[in-house]
Amino acid sequence: MLNVLSLETAAAKIRTGELKPNELAVFCLEKIDVENASLNCFVTVLREEALRQAAEAEE
């Protein structure tokens, strides 16, 4: 489901509680892990920072 959401839709789902920020962050980080090996489009992934910010957003 998450791989077909626009950012606008994902934000709306977070606002309504249908989606948690941490769920979206984990999905994106896992997608980066899988795809970056072939795409090589990320130089630095701030995994801990992304997860920390997602956790803060859930508070």
C-alpha atoms as a PDB file:
ATOM      1  CA  MET A   1       0.000   0.000   0.000  1.00  0.00           C
ATOM      2  CA  LEU A   2       2.682   2.519   0.952  1.00  0.00           C
ATOM      3  CA  ASN A   3       4.559   2.189  -2.302  1.00  0.00           C
ATOM      4  CA  VAL A   4       1.659   3.741  -4.251  1.00  0.00           C
ATOM      5  CA  LEU A   5       0.841   6.654  -1.932  1.00  0.00           C
ATOM      6  CA  SER A   6       1.672  10.189  -2.957  1.00  0.00           C
ATOM      7  CA  LEU A   7       3.316  12.350  -0.329  1.00  0.00           C
ATOM      8  CA  GLU A   8       0.118  14.372  -0.126  1.00  0.00           C
ATOM      9  CA  THR A   9      -1.940  11.245   0.587  1.00  0.00           C
ATOM     10  CA  ALA A  10       0.609   9.919   3.075  1.00  0.00           C
ATOM     11  CA  ALA A  11       0.521  13.254   4.949  1.00  0.00           C
ATOM     12  CA  ALA A  12      -3.279  13.186   5.026  1.00  0.00           C
ATOM     13  CA  LYS A  13      -3.249   9.625   6.380  1.00  0.00           C
ATOM     14  CA  ILE A  14      -0.776  10.638   9.075  1.00  0.00           C
ATOM     15  CA  ARG A  15      -2.998  13.572  10.082  1.00  0.00           C
ATOM     16  CA  THR A  16      -6.044  11.290  10.371  1.00  0.00           C
ATOM     17  CA  GLY A  17      -4.127   8.575  12.223  1.00  0.00           C
ATOM     18  CA  GLU A  18      -4.501   5.972   9.468  1.00  0.00           C
ATOM     19  CA  LEU A  19      -0.724   5.901   9.088  1.00  0.00           C
ATOM     20  CA  LYS A  20       1.950   6.449  11.720  1.00  0.00           C
ATOM     21  CA  PRO A  21       5.035   8.513  10.916  1.00  0.00           C
ATOM     22  CA  ASN A  22       7.242   5.650  12.090  1.00  0.00           C
ATOM     23  CA  GLU A  23       5.559   3.225   9.675  1.00  0.00           C
ATOM     24  CA  LEU A  24       6.253   5.563   6.773  1.00  0.00           C
ATOM     25  CA  ALA A  25       9.840   6.199   7.867  1.00  0.00           C
ATOM     26  CA  VAL A  26      10.595   2.484   8.228  1.00  0.00           C
ATOM     27  CA  PHE A  27       9.020   1.755   4.836  1.00  0.00           C
ATOM     28  CA  CYS A  28      11.104   4.464   3.159  1.00  0.00           C
ATOM     29  CA  LEU A  29      14.315   3.343   4.841  1.00  0.00           C
ATOM     30  CA  GLU A  30      13.711  -0.272   3.820  1.00  0.00           C
ATOM     31  CA  LYS A  31      13.001   0.852   0.255  1.00  0.00           C
ATOM     32  CA  ILE A  32      16.271   2.794   0.237  1.00  0.00           C
ATOM     33  CA  ASP A  33      18.122  -0.313   1.438  1.00  0.00           C
ATOM     34  CA  VAL A  34      16.677  -2.389  -1.396  1.00  0.00           C
ATOM     35  CA  GLU A  35      16.849   0.103  -4.249  1.00  0.00           C
ATOM     36  CA  ASN A  36      19.993   2.073  -3.522  1.00  0.00           C
ATOM     37  CA  ALA A  37      22.298  -0.802  -4.422  1.00  0.00           C
ATOM     38  CA  SER A  38      21.260  -0.501  -8.068  1.00  0.00           C
ATOM     39  CA  LEU A  39      20.286   3.186  -8.201  1.00  0.00           C
ATOM     40  CA  ASN A  40      23.158   4.541  -6.096  1.00  0.00           C
ATOM     41  CA  CYS A  41      21.258   7.781  -5.549  1.00  0.00           C
ATOM     42  CA  PHE A  42      21.836   8.280  -1.815  1.00  0.00           C
ATOM     43  CA  VAL A  43      25.224   9.344  -0.499  1.00  0.00           C
ATOM     44  CA  THR A  44      24.168   9.552   3.144  1.00  0.00           C
ATOM     45  CA  VAL A  45      21.101   8.073   4.807  1.00  0.00           C
ATOM     46  CA  LEU A  46      20.424   9.509   8.237  1.00  0.00           C
ATOM     47  CA  ARG A  47      18.520   6.467   9.475  1.00  0.00           C
ATOM     48  CA  GLU A  48      18.639   7.210  13.204  1.00  0.00           C
ATOM     49  CA  GLU A  49      17.679  10.843  12.658  1.00  0.00           C
ATOM     50  CA  ALA A  50      14.728   9.866  10.459  1.00  0.00           C
ATOM     51  CA  LEU A  51      13.475   7.373  13.033  1.00  0.00           C
ATOM     52  CA  ARG A  52      13.951   9.879  15.865  1.00  0.00           C
ATOM     53  CA  GLN A  53      11.988  12.542  14.015  1.00  0.00           C
ATOM     54  CA  ALA A  54       9.231  10.050  13.186  1.00  0.00           C
ATOM     55  CA  ALA A  55       9.004   9.083  16.855  1.00  0.00           C
ATOM     56  CA  GLU A  56       8.793  12.752  17.855  1.00  0.00           C
ATOM     57  CA  ALA A  57       6.028  13.314  15.311  1.00  0.00           C
ATOM     58  CA  GLU A  58       3.988  10.546  16.926  1.00  0.00           C
ATOM     59  CA  GLU A  59       4.080  12.247  20.335  1.00  0.00           C
END
